[in-house]
Amino acid sequence: MHCGAQCQSKYRTGPNHPRYKGGFIDDKGYRIVCVSGRRIQEHRAVMEAVLGRRLVTREHVHHKNGDKLDNRLENLEVMDIREHSRLHNFLKH
């Protein structure tokens, strides 16, 4: 609850919002963050940090629960681009 409209607008978005995690949401619904001067999708940055290396292009990070903003490690899984495509095509049908 906010004390008024001015206070509400001040804390609605950006670093002043209590749930702000940095970055921004792209047009596909993924959070983009800056890591070492490089803009990257947050789920890929999380996985790269865990693996201790950069992901290669053919490696995709799948959100197990389908929520593109849920970038907890337990919700992420690395898979080959073909495997990821097959999974999503299967889920559509």
Protein backbone atom coordinates (compact mmCIF):
# COMPACT_ATOMS: atom_id res chain seq x y z
CA MET A 1 0.00 0.00 0.00
CA HIS A 2 1.27 3.44 -0.87
CA CYS A 3 0.64 6.75 0.85
CA GLY A 4 -0.46 8.41 -2.40
CA ALA A 5 -0.19 8.58 -6.18
CA GLN A 6 3.22 10.26 -6.17
CA CYS A 7 4.70 7.58 -3.91
CA GLN A 8 3.04 4.81 -5.93
CA SER A 9 4.51 5.99 -9.23
CA LYS A 10 7.96 6.34 -7.66
CA TYR A 11 8.05 2.66 -6.63
CA ARG A 12 6.07 1.08 -9.48
CA THR A 13 9.04 -0.01 -11.63
CA GLY A 14 12.80 0.07 -11.77
CA PRO A 15 15.39 -0.17 -9.00
CA ASN A 16 13.06 1.38 -6.41
CA HIS A 17 10.53 -1.45 -6.72
CA PRO A 18 10.98 -4.04 -3.94
CA ARG A 19 10.94 -6.96 -6.43
CA TYR A 20 13.22 -5.34 -9.03
CA LYS A 21 15.83 -7.82 -10.28
CA GLY A 22 17.59 -5.59 -12.78
CA GLY A 23 17.47 -5.56 -16.54
CA PHE A 24 14.29 -5.36 -18.58
CA ILE A 25 11.76 -7.70 -20.19
CA ASP A 26 12.20 -8.14 -23.95
CA ASP A 27 9.39 -8.46 -26.50
CA LYS A 28 9.48 -12.28 -26.19
CA GLY A 29 8.91 -12.13 -22.42
CA TYR A 30 12.46 -12.93 -21.24
CA ARG A 31 14.35 -10.83 -18.68
CA ILE A 32 17.51 -9.33 -20.18
CA VAL A 33 20.37 -8.53 -17.80
CA CYS A 34 23.87 -7.15 -18.18
CA VAL A 35 26.68 -9.52 -17.18
CA SER A 36 30.28 -8.35 -17.56
CA GLY A 37 29.15 -5.69 -20.07
CA ARG A 38 27.18 -8.20 -22.15
CA ARG A 39 23.38 -8.16 -22.52
CA ILE A 40 22.04 -11.68 -22.09
CA GLN A 41 18.79 -13.44 -21.28
CA GLU A 42 18.78 -14.03 -17.53
CA HIS A 43 18.02 -17.76 -17.77
CA ARG A 44 21.09 -18.23 -19.97
CA ALA A 45 23.22 -16.16 -17.57
CA VAL A 46 22.07 -18.32 -14.63
CA MET A 47 22.97 -21.51 -16.47
CA GLU A 48 26.34 -20.16 -17.64
CA ALA A 49 27.20 -19.24 -14.04
CA VAL A 50 26.34 -22.75 -12.84
CA LEU A 51 28.25 -24.46 -15.66
CA GLY A 52 31.21 -22.09 -15.37
CA ARG A 53 31.27 -21.47 -19.12
CA ARG A 54 29.35 -19.77 -21.90
CA LEU A 55 26.58 -21.71 -23.58
CA VAL A 56 27.04 -22.43 -27.25
CA THR A 57 24.38 -21.43 -29.77
CA ARG A 58 22.92 -24.92 -30.10
CA GLU A 59 22.35 -25.16 -26.33
CA HIS A 60 18.95 -23.92 -25.21
CA VAL A 61 17.76 -23.39 -21.66
CA HIS A 62 14.26 -24.74 -21.10
CA HIS A 63 11.89 -23.37 -18.43
CA LYS A 64 10.33 -26.53 -16.98
CA ASN A 65 7.21 -24.75 -15.71
CA GLY A 66 6.81 -22.56 -18.81
CA ASP A 67 7.28 -19.29 -16.88
CA LYS A 68 9.91 -17.30 -18.78
CA LEU A 69 10.59 -15.13 -15.73
CA ASP A 70 11.09 -18.01 -13.29
CA ASN A 71 14.84 -18.29 -13.56
CA ARG A 72 15.45 -20.39 -10.47
CA LEU A 73 18.00 -23.12 -11.19
CA GLU A 74 15.52 -25.88 -10.32
CA ASN A 75 13.24 -24.59 -13.11
CA LEU A 76 15.95 -24.55 -15.79
CA GLU A 77 17.31 -27.33 -17.96
CA VAL A 78 19.94 -27.22 -20.72
CA MET A 79 19.07 -29.13 -23.86
CA ASP A 80 20.11 -29.32 -27.49
CA ILE A 81 18.17 -27.07 -29.87
CA ARG A 82 16.58 -30.09 -31.61
CA GLU A 83 15.51 -31.67 -28.32
CA HIS A 84 14.03 -28.33 -27.20
CA SER A 85 12.11 -27.93 -30.46
CA ARG A 86 10.75 -31.47 -30.22
CA LEU A 87 9.64 -30.88 -26.65
CA HIS A 88 7.76 -27.68 -27.52
CA ASN A 89 6.21 -29.20 -30.65
CA PHE A 90 5.03 -32.16 -28.55
CA LEU A 91 3.56 -29.84 -25.91
CA LYS A 92 1.58 -27.92 -28.56
CA HIS A 93 -0.28 -31.04 -29.70
